[in-house]
């Protein structure tokens, strides 16, 4: 009886009208000039200064429409087809079908619920990659008027307040706030984002994980005890803590991603 009822409900759902899959605009990359970065994360008790080479970054997070186009072209990354090694049970759990988010605003909603492996595979399809933590941190430090606005307490408190309001809710639409000085949008307040080396940022995160789409092995190595250059930067601490709880096959409704590549590289 329960099986019959379930079947009828599935049939009814299939007959209901739903939004047509949105056309996926091609991702747009903008150049982020290089420069020095004093990281907000300490190496033990020592500040870390790195020289960031110029790179190109997607000006906005990957959208549901863009990721839907990717999984239609690469069905092995669809929910129900993806290997369990690369995604858990929450992978794209909110989508209407494995290849359709069922969202009338899919072209403006960031894709979330995507594992690190799937995010990496999407970037690979563009001959790009996930940003490193330092690349992401360098880009996210900028405001609409400054290349490094991390010391601006008004901005910092506004970012924290936005993240607290969004806790437990689906991320909003892309592009509701001005771009930063590089032309990048929604790096800080909309959601959290995967980075390529996120596992190396945290203590006690050690393990061998088969990398997506190949037989090689990715080593996620934990470092020394995690510490912040400014312990009062609670928004950063919240972001780092959120990523630290995830394994590469995990997904979260509040974690999306964007891709980077070398300046001048094209798909």
C-alpha atoms as a PDB file:
ATOM      1  CA  UNK A   1       0.000   0.000   0.000  1.00  0.00           C
ATOM      2  CA  UNK A   2       2.780   2.421   0.942  1.00  0.00           C
ATOM      3  CA  UNK A   3       4.676   1.555  -2.233  1.00  0.00           C
ATOM      4  CA  UNK A   4       1.546   2.213  -4.329  1.00  0.00           C
ATOM      5  CA  UNK A   5       0.977   5.568  -2.641  1.00  0.00           C
ATOM      6  CA  UNK A   6       4.605   6.530  -3.160  1.00  0.00           C
ATOM      7  CA  UNK A   7       4.335   5.623  -6.831  1.00  0.00           C
ATOM      8  CA  UNK A   8       1.208   7.729  -7.242  1.00  0.00           C
ATOM      9  CA  UNK A   9       2.854  10.695  -5.574  1.00  0.00           C
ATOM     10  CA  UNK A  10       5.875  10.389  -7.870  1.00  0.00           C
ATOM     11  CA  UNK A  11       3.583  10.225 -10.905  1.00  0.00           C
ATOM     12  CA  UNK A  12       1.685  13.297  -9.709  1.00  0.00           C
ATOM     13  CA  UNK A  13       4.921  15.196  -9.162  1.00  0.00           C
ATOM     14  CA  UNK A  14       6.060  14.297 -12.679  1.00  0.00           C
ATOM     15  CA  UNK A  15       2.820  15.684 -14.152  1.00  0.00           C
ATOM     16  CA  UNK A  16       2.991  18.998 -12.316  1.00  0.00           C
ATOM     17  CA  UNK A  17       4.334  21.937 -14.355  1.00  0.00           C
ATOM     18  CA  UNK A  18       7.814  23.041 -13.440  1.00  0.00           C
ATOM     19  CA  UNK A  19      10.149  25.803 -14.576  1.00  0.00           C
ATOM     20  CA  UNK A  20      12.115  25.033 -17.695  1.00  0.00           C
ATOM     21  CA  UNK A  21      15.846  24.659 -17.037  1.00  0.00           C
ATOM     22  CA  UNK A  22      17.373  28.112 -17.162  1.00  0.00           C
ATOM     23  CA  UNK A  23      19.862  28.954 -19.866  1.00  0.00           C
ATOM     24  CA  UNK A  24      23.326  28.898 -18.345  1.00  0.00           C
ATOM     25  CA  UNK A  25      25.383  31.968 -19.084  1.00  0.00           C
ATOM     26  CA  UNK A  26      29.052  31.257 -19.669  1.00  0.00           C
ATOM     27  CA  UNK A  27      31.133  31.988 -16.551  1.00  0.00           C
ATOM     28  CA  UNK A  28      32.987  35.287 -16.697  1.00  0.00           C
ATOM     29  CA  UNK A  29      36.512  35.509 -15.315  1.00  0.00           C
ATOM     30  CA  UNK A  30      38.131  38.745 -14.174  1.00  0.00           C
ATOM     31  CA  UNK A  31      41.813  39.370 -13.497  1.00  0.00           C
ATOM     32  CA  UNK A  32      42.920  39.733  -9.902  1.00  0.00           C
ATOM     33  CA  UNK A  33      46.345  41.439  -9.828  1.00  0.00           C
ATOM     34  CA  UNK A  34      48.999  39.886  -7.688  1.00  0.00           C
ATOM     35  CA  UNK A  35      50.485  41.263  -4.511  1.00  0.00           C
ATOM     36  CA  UNK A  36      51.523  40.440  -0.953  1.00  0.00           C
ATOM     37  CA  UNK A  37      49.057  38.897   1.501  1.00  0.00           C
ATOM     38  CA  UNK A  38      49.479  38.682   5.241  1.00  0.00           C
ATOM     39  CA  UNK A  39      47.142  35.774   5.887  1.00  0.00           C
ATOM     40  CA  UNK A  40      44.515  35.889   8.599  1.00  0.00           C
ATOM     41  CA  UNK A  41      45.521  32.337   9.511  1.00  0.00           C
ATOM     42  CA  UNK A  42      48.681  31.838  11.528  1.00  0.00           C
ATOM     43  CA  UNK A  43      51.250  29.103  11.031  1.00  0.00           C
ATOM     44  CA  UNK A  44      51.374  28.025  14.646  1.00  0.00           C
ATOM     45  CA  UNK A  45      52.085  31.385  16.278  1.00  0.00           C
ATOM     46  CA  UNK A  46      53.741  32.998  13.281  1.00  0.00           C
ATOM     47  CA  UNK A  47      52.153  35.368  10.779  1.00  0.00           C
ATOM     48  CA  UNK A  48      52.322  34.159   7.184  1.00  0.00           C
ATOM     49  CA  UNK A  49      53.118  36.519   4.315  1.00  0.00           C
ATOM     50  CA  UNK A  50      52.740  35.121   0.810  1.00  0.00           C
ATOM     51  CA  UNK A  51      53.166  36.654  -2.621  1.00  0.00           C
ATOM     52  CA  UNK A  52      50.050  36.077  -4.717  1.00  0.00           C
ATOM     53  CA  UNK A  53      50.640  35.777  -8.446  1.00  0.00           C
ATOM     54  CA  UNK A  54      48.014  37.348 -10.723  1.00  0.00           C
ATOM     55  CA  UNK A  55      45.092  35.024 -11.411  1.00  0.00           C
ATOM     56  CA  UNK A  56      41.684  35.055 -13.078  1.00  0.00           C
ATOM     57  CA  UNK A  57      38.628  34.301 -10.924  1.00  0.00           C
ATOM     58  CA  UNK A  58      34.968  33.831 -11.768  1.00  0.00           C
ATOM     59  CA  UNK A  59      33.290  37.141 -11.013  1.00  0.00           C
ATOM     60  CA  UNK A  60      30.340  35.357  -9.393  1.00  0.00           C
ATOM     61  CA  UNK A  61      29.745  31.979  -7.741  1.00  0.00           C
ATOM     62  CA  UNK A  62      28.755  29.071  -9.965  1.00  0.00           C
ATOM     63  CA  UNK A  63      24.987  29.166 -10.422  1.00  0.00           C
ATOM     64  CA  UNK A  64      22.460  26.361 -10.305  1.00  0.00           C
ATOM     65  CA  UNK A  65      21.876  26.823 -14.038  1.00  0.00           C
ATOM     66  CA  UNK A  66      25.586  26.521 -14.811  1.00  0.00           C
ATOM     67  CA  UNK A  67      25.986  23.415 -12.689  1.00  0.00           C
ATOM     68  CA  UNK A  68      22.834  21.887 -14.196  1.00  0.00           C
ATOM     69  CA  UNK A  69      24.328  22.360 -17.671  1.00  0.00           C
ATOM     70  CA  UNK A  70      27.492  20.634 -16.419  1.00  0.00           C
ATOM     71  CA  UNK A  71      25.708  17.561 -15.005  1.00  0.00           C
ATOM     72  CA  UNK A  72      23.567  17.233 -18.135  1.00  0.00           C
ATOM     73  CA  UNK A  73      26.776  17.093 -20.157  1.00  0.00           C
ATOM     74  CA  UNK A  74      28.502  14.859 -17.595  1.00  0.00           C
ATOM     75  CA  UNK A  75      25.780  12.584 -16.169  1.00  0.00           C
ATOM     76  CA  UNK A  76      28.310  10.737 -14.006  1.00  0.00           C
ATOM     77  CA  UNK A  77      28.132  13.792 -11.711  1.00  0.00           C
ATOM     78  CA  UNK A  78      24.362  13.711 -11.379  1.00  0.00           C
ATOM     79  CA  UNK A  79      22.650  12.785  -8.132  1.00  0.00           C
ATOM     80  CA  UNK A  80      21.996   9.058  -8.236  1.00  0.00           C
ATOM     81  CA  UNK A  81      24.859   8.458 -10.675  1.00  0.00           C
ATOM     82  CA  UNK A  82      27.812   9.942  -8.839  1.00  0.00           C
ATOM     83  CA  UNK A  83      30.053   7.401  -7.095  1.00  0.00           C
ATOM     84  CA  UNK A  84      29.552   7.308  -3.287  1.00  0.00           C
ATOM     85  CA  UNK A  85      33.261   8.040  -2.879  1.00  0.00           C
ATOM     86  CA  UNK A  86      32.691  11.478  -4.384  1.00  0.00           C
ATOM     87  CA  UNK A  87      29.393  12.541  -2.800  1.00  0.00           C
ATOM     88  CA  UNK A  88      27.228  11.773   0.208  1.00  0.00           C
ATOM     89  CA  UNK A  89      23.438  11.457   0.551  1.00  0.00           C
ATOM     90  CA  UNK A  90      22.896  15.249   0.702  1.00  0.00           C
ATOM     91  CA  UNK A  91      24.443  15.894  -2.706  1.00  0.00           C
ATOM     92  CA  UNK A  92      22.094  18.224  -4.654  1.00  0.00           C
ATOM     93  CA  UNK A  93      19.351  16.978  -2.350  1.00  0.00           C
ATOM     94  CA  UNK A  94      17.169  20.028  -2.948  1.00  0.00           C
ATOM     95  CA  UNK A  95      17.015  19.653  -6.735  1.00  0.00           C
ATOM     96  CA  UNK A  96      13.779  18.636  -8.432  1.00  0.00           C
ATOM     97  CA  UNK A  97      15.503  15.998 -10.563  1.00  0.00           C
ATOM     98  CA  UNK A  98      19.140  14.875 -10.912  1.00  0.00           C
ATOM     99  CA  UNK A  99      19.649  17.340 -13.770  1.00  0.00           C
ATOM    100  CA  UNK A 100      17.150  20.099 -12.987  1.00  0.00           C
ATOM    101  CA  UNK A 101      17.156  22.312  -9.890  1.00  0.00           C
ATOM    102  CA  UNK A 102      13.501  23.157 -10.544  1.00  0.00           C
ATOM    103  CA  UNK A 103      14.206  26.797  -9.756  1.00  0.00           C
ATOM    104  CA  UNK A 104      12.773  29.633 -11.823  1.00  0.00           C
ATOM    105  CA  UNK A 105      15.759  31.757 -10.738  1.00  0.00           C
ATOM    106  CA  UNK A 106      18.416  29.076 -11.244  1.00  0.00           C
ATOM    107  CA  UNK A 107      20.485  31.524 -13.284  1.00  0.00           C
ATOM    108  CA  UNK A 108      20.841  33.811 -10.243  1.00  0.00           C
ATOM    109  CA  UNK A 109      20.942  31.339  -7.352  1.00  0.00           C
ATOM    110  CA  UNK A 110      24.386  29.987  -6.400  1.00  0.00           C
ATOM    111  CA  UNK A 111      24.637  26.229  -6.535  1.00  0.00           C
ATOM    112  CA  UNK A 112      25.110  24.640  -3.124  1.00  0.00           C
ATOM    113  CA  UNK A 113      24.856  21.068  -1.878  1.00  0.00           C
ATOM    114  CA  UNK A 114      27.871  20.186  -4.031  1.00  0.00           C
ATOM    115  CA  UNK A 115      30.802  18.117  -2.780  1.00  0.00           C
ATOM    116  CA  UNK A 116      34.413  19.280  -3.042  1.00  0.00           C
ATOM    117  CA  UNK A 117      34.992  16.554  -5.628  1.00  0.00           C
ATOM    118  CA  UNK A 118      32.100  17.734  -7.814  1.00  0.00           C
ATOM    119  CA  UNK A 119      33.148  21.380  -7.510  1.00  0.00           C
ATOM    120  CA  UNK A 120      36.639  20.396  -8.609  1.00  0.00           C
ATOM    121  CA  UNK A 121      35.258  18.426 -11.553  1.00  0.00           C
ATOM    122  CA  UNK A 122      33.193  21.403 -12.697  1.00  0.00           C
ATOM    123  CA  UNK A 123      36.268  23.623 -12.636  1.00  0.00           C
ATOM    124  CA  UNK A 124      38.230  20.944 -14.514  1.00  0.00           C
ATOM    125  CA  UNK A 125      35.596  21.093 -17.264  1.00  0.00           C
ATOM    126  CA  UNK A 126      36.502  24.767 -17.749  1.00  0.00           C
ATOM    127  CA  UNK A 127      40.250  24.039 -17.704  1.00  0.00           C
ATOM    128  CA  UNK A 128      40.244  25.837 -14.357  1.00  0.00           C
ATOM    129  CA  UNK A 129      40.555  24.845 -10.713  1.00  0.00           C
ATOM    130  CA  UNK A 130      39.262  25.692  -7.289  1.00  0.00           C
ATOM    131  CA  UNK A 131      41.068  28.659  -5.751  1.00  0.00           C
ATOM    132  CA  UNK A 132      43.610  28.062  -3.033  1.00  0.00           C
ATOM    133  CA  UNK A 133      42.774  29.444   0.394  1.00  0.00           C
ATOM    134  CA  UNK A 134      45.316  32.246  -0.082  1.00  0.00           C
ATOM    135  CA  UNK A 135      43.842  33.186  -3.468  1.00  0.00           C
ATOM    136  CA  UNK A 136      40.345  33.229  -2.011  1.00  0.00           C
ATOM    137  CA  UNK A 137      41.447  35.163   1.072  1.00  0.00           C
ATOM    138  CA  UNK A 138      43.329  37.703  -1.056  1.00  0.00           C
ATOM    139  CA  UNK A 139      40.317  38.298  -3.318  1.00  0.00           C
ATOM    140  CA  UNK A 140      37.833  38.379  -0.423  1.00  0.00           C
ATOM    141  CA  UNK A 141      39.867  40.960   1.494  1.00  0.00           C
ATOM    142  CA  UNK A 142      38.856  43.620  -1.010  1.00  0.00           C
ATOM    143  CA  UNK A 143      35.873  45.928  -0.640  1.00  0.00           C
ATOM    144  CA  UNK A 144      34.300  48.121  -3.295  1.00  0.00           C
ATOM    145  CA  UNK A 145      36.908  50.792  -2.569  1.00  0.00           C
ATOM    146  CA  UNK A 146      39.965  49.066  -1.073  1.00  0.00           C
ATOM    147  CA  UNK A 147      42.156  46.104  -1.942  1.00  0.00           C
ATOM    148  CA  UNK A 148      42.416  45.149   1.737  1.00  0.00           C
ATOM    149  CA  UNK A 149      39.480  46.184   3.921  1.00  0.00           C
ATOM    150  CA  UNK A 150      39.862  43.460   6.549  1.00  0.00           C
ATOM    151  CA  UNK A 151      40.640  45.990   9.298  1.00  0.00           C
ATOM    152  CA  UNK A 152      37.431  47.926   8.615  1.00  0.00           C
ATOM    153  CA  UNK A 153      35.331  47.055  11.666  1.00  0.00           C
ATOM    154  CA  UNK A 154      32.090  48.341  10.152  1.00  0.00           C
ATOM    155  CA  UNK A 155      32.543  46.061   7.165  1.00  0.00           C
ATOM    156  CA  UNK A 156      33.602  43.142   9.360  1.00  0.00           C
ATOM    157  CA  UNK A 157      30.560  43.479  11.601  1.00  0.00           C
ATOM    158  CA  UNK A 158      28.256  43.773   8.586  1.00  0.00           C
ATOM    159  CA  UNK A 159      29.673  40.548   7.130  1.00  0.00           C
ATOM    160  CA  UNK A 160      29.179  38.732  10.431  1.00  0.00           C
ATOM    161  CA  UNK A 161      25.618  40.049  10.761  1.00  0.00           C
ATOM    162  CA  UNK A 162      24.785  38.936   7.211  1.00  0.00           C
ATOM    163  CA  UNK A 163      26.131  35.445   7.869  1.00  0.00           C
ATOM    164  CA  UNK A 164      24.226  35.170  11.141  1.00  0.00           C
ATOM    165  CA  UNK A 165      20.974  36.224   9.460  1.00  0.00           C
ATOM    166  CA  UNK A 166      21.533  33.668   6.713  1.00  0.00           C
ATOM    167  CA  UNK A 167      22.274  30.756   9.074  1.00  0.00           C
ATOM    168  CA  UNK A 168      19.903  27.906   8.300  1.00  0.00           C
ATOM    169  CA  UNK A 169      18.505  29.603   5.201  1.00  0.00           C
ATOM    170  CA  UNK A 170      19.089  29.116   1.534  1.00  0.00           C
ATOM    171  CA  UNK A 171      21.600  31.628   0.114  1.00  0.00           C
ATOM    172  CA  UNK A 172      19.984  34.588  -1.592  1.00  0.00           C
ATOM    173  CA  UNK A 173      20.351  35.788  -5.156  1.00  0.00           C
ATOM    174  CA  UNK A 174      23.717  36.652  -6.649  1.00  0.00           C
ATOM    175  CA  UNK A 175      24.611  40.261  -7.355  1.00  0.00           C
ATOM    176  CA  UNK A 176      22.537  42.111  -4.783  1.00  0.00           C
ATOM    177  CA  UNK A 177      25.579  44.045  -3.538  1.00  0.00           C
ATOM    178  CA  UNK A 178      28.278  46.032  -5.360  1.00  0.00           C
ATOM    179  CA  UNK A 179      31.308  44.212  -6.716  1.00  0.00           C
ATOM    180  CA  UNK A 180      34.666  44.703  -5.035  1.00  0.00           C
ATOM    181  CA  UNK A 181      37.550  46.605  -6.611  1.00  0.00           C
ATOM    182  CA  UNK A 182      38.450  43.594  -8.786  1.00  0.00           C
ATOM    183  CA  UNK A 183      34.897  43.172 -10.104  1.00  0.00           C
ATOM    184  CA  UNK A 184      34.134  40.131  -7.896  1.00  0.00           C
ATOM    185  CA  UNK A 185      30.757  39.665  -6.225  1.00  0.00           C
ATOM    186  CA  UNK A 186      29.449  37.794  -3.200  1.00  0.00           C
ATOM    187  CA  UNK A 187      32.676  36.476  -1.725  1.00  0.00           C
ATOM    188  CA  UNK A 188      31.824  37.238   1.888  1.00  0.00           C
ATOM    189  CA  UNK A 189      28.151  37.556   2.778  1.00  0.00           C
ATOM    190  CA  UNK A 190      26.178  35.161   0.601  1.00  0.00           C
ATOM    191  CA  UNK A 191      27.592  31.792   1.664  1.00  0.00           C
ATOM    192  CA  UNK A 192      30.840  29.898   2.202  1.00  0.00           C
ATOM    193  CA  UNK A 193      32.939  28.541  -0.682  1.00  0.00           C
ATOM    194  CA  UNK A 194      35.105  25.491  -1.283  1.00  0.00           C
ATOM    195  CA  UNK A 195      38.831  26.049  -1.779  1.00  0.00           C
ATOM    196  CA  UNK A 196      41.261  23.564  -3.266  1.00  0.00           C
ATOM    197  CA  UNK A 197      43.445  23.088  -0.205  1.00  0.00           C
ATOM    198  CA  UNK A 198      40.867  23.545   2.536  1.00  0.00           C
ATOM    199  CA  UNK A 199      41.957  20.355   4.303  1.00  0.00           C
ATOM    200  CA  UNK A 200      45.461  21.730   4.862  1.00  0.00           C
ATOM    201  CA  UNK A 201      44.074  24.632   6.900  1.00  0.00           C
ATOM    202  CA  UNK A 202      42.930  22.567   9.847  1.00  0.00           C
ATOM    203  CA  UNK A 203      44.472  20.367  12.532  1.00  0.00           C
ATOM    204  CA  UNK A 204      43.668  16.675  12.739  1.00  0.00           C
ATOM    205  CA  UNK A 205      42.426  16.500   9.159  1.00  0.00           C
ATOM    206  CA  UNK A 206      44.536  13.728   7.719  1.00  0.00           C
ATOM    207  CA  UNK A 207      43.548  11.120   5.198  1.00  0.00           C
ATOM    208  CA  UNK A 208      44.022   9.756   1.720  1.00  0.00           C
ATOM    209  CA  UNK A 209      41.136  10.507  -0.591  1.00  0.00           C
ATOM    210  CA  UNK A 210      40.860   9.395  -4.187  1.00  0.00           C
ATOM    211  CA  UNK A 211      40.634  12.519  -6.335  1.00  0.00           C
ATOM    212  CA  UNK A 212      37.698  13.037  -8.643  1.00  0.00           C
ATOM    213  CA  UNK A 213      37.969  11.681 -12.147  1.00  0.00           C
ATOM    214  CA  UNK A 214      41.355  10.024 -11.729  1.00  0.00           C
ATOM    215  CA  UNK A 215      43.146   7.261  -9.925  1.00  0.00           C
ATOM    216  CA  UNK A 216      45.516   9.615  -8.138  1.00  0.00           C
ATOM    217  CA  UNK A 217      45.390  10.285  -4.434  1.00  0.00           C
ATOM    218  CA  UNK A 218      44.812  13.635  -2.803  1.00  0.00           C
ATOM    219  CA  UNK A 219      46.540  14.085   0.503  1.00  0.00           C
ATOM    220  CA  UNK A 220      44.651  16.342   2.907  1.00  0.00           C
ATOM    221  CA  UNK A 221      47.210  17.149   5.571  1.00  0.00           C
ATOM    222  CA  UNK A 222      46.398  18.886   8.800  1.00  0.00           C
ATOM    223  CA  UNK A 223      48.772  21.528  10.058  1.00  0.00           C
ATOM    224  CA  UNK A 224      49.555  22.866  13.486  1.00  0.00           C
ATOM    225  CA  UNK A 225      46.823  24.063  15.833  1.00  0.00           C
ATOM    226  CA  UNK A 226      44.590  26.470  13.966  1.00  0.00           C
ATOM    227  CA  UNK A 227      44.991  30.083  15.068  1.00  0.00           C
ATOM    228  CA  UNK A 228      43.894  33.463  13.768  1.00  0.00           C
ATOM    229  CA  UNK A 229      45.975  36.612  13.462  1.00  0.00           C
ATOM    230  CA  UNK A 230      42.971  38.543  14.770  1.00  0.00           C
ATOM    231  CA  UNK A 231      40.834  36.332  17.054  1.00  0.00           C
ATOM    232  CA  UNK A 232      38.065  38.952  17.010  1.00  0.00           C
ATOM    233  CA  UNK A 233      37.365  38.315  13.311  1.00  0.00           C
ATOM    234  CA  UNK A 234      34.389  36.108  14.117  1.00  0.00           C
ATOM    235  CA  UNK A 235      33.076  35.969  10.543  1.00  0.00           C
ATOM    236  CA  UNK A 236      36.347  34.429   9.389  1.00  0.00           C
ATOM    237  CA  UNK A 237      36.346  31.999  12.306  1.00  0.00           C
ATOM    238  CA  UNK A 238      32.795  30.939  11.438  1.00  0.00           C
ATOM    239  CA  UNK A 239      33.751  30.374   7.803  1.00  0.00           C
ATOM    240  CA  UNK A 240      36.816  28.319   8.694  1.00  0.00           C
ATOM    241  CA  UNK A 241      34.874  26.280  11.252  1.00  0.00           C
ATOM    242  CA  UNK A 242      32.156  25.507   8.699  1.00  0.00           C
ATOM    243  CA  UNK A 243      34.671  24.154   6.195  1.00  0.00           C
ATOM    244  CA  UNK A 244      36.570  22.246   8.865  1.00  0.00           C
ATOM    245  CA  UNK A 245      33.514  20.109   9.585  1.00  0.00           C
ATOM    246  CA  UNK A 246      33.265  18.872   5.991  1.00  0.00           C
ATOM    247  CA  UNK A 247      34.938  15.903   4.338  1.00  0.00           C
ATOM    248  CA  UNK A 248      35.590  16.206   0.578  1.00  0.00           C
ATOM    249  CA  UNK A 249      32.552  14.045  -0.241  1.00  0.00           C
ATOM    250  CA  UNK A 250      30.256  16.078   2.021  1.00  0.00           C
ATOM    251  CA  UNK A 251      27.953  18.826   0.835  1.00  0.00           C
ATOM    252  CA  UNK A 252      26.162  21.650   2.567  1.00  0.00           C
ATOM    253  CA  UNK A 253      23.215  23.865   1.601  1.00  0.00           C
ATOM    254  CA  UNK A 254      25.360  26.860   2.547  1.00  0.00           C
ATOM    255  CA  UNK A 255      28.597  26.002   0.689  1.00  0.00           C
ATOM    256  CA  UNK A 256      29.111  26.832  -2.970  1.00  0.00           C
ATOM    257  CA  UNK A 257      32.186  27.574  -5.069  1.00  0.00           C
ATOM    258  CA  UNK A 258      33.793  29.445  -7.939  1.00  0.00           C
ATOM    259  CA  UNK A 259      36.795  28.665 -10.147  1.00  0.00           C
ATOM    260  CA  UNK A 260      40.128  30.296 -10.962  1.00  0.00           C
ATOM    261  CA  UNK A 261      42.683  29.920 -13.727  1.00  0.00           C
ATOM    262  CA  UNK A 262      45.826  31.588 -14.999  1.00  0.00           C
ATOM    263  CA  UNK A 263      45.332  34.934 -16.757  1.00  0.00           C
ATOM    264  CA  UNK A 264      44.876  34.373 -20.460  1.00  0.00           C
ATOM    265  CA  UNK A 265      43.811  30.727 -20.146  1.00  0.00           C
ATOM    266  CA  UNK A 266      40.560  29.832 -21.922  1.00  0.00           C
ATOM    267  CA  UNK A 267      38.337  26.725 -21.867  1.00  0.00           C
END
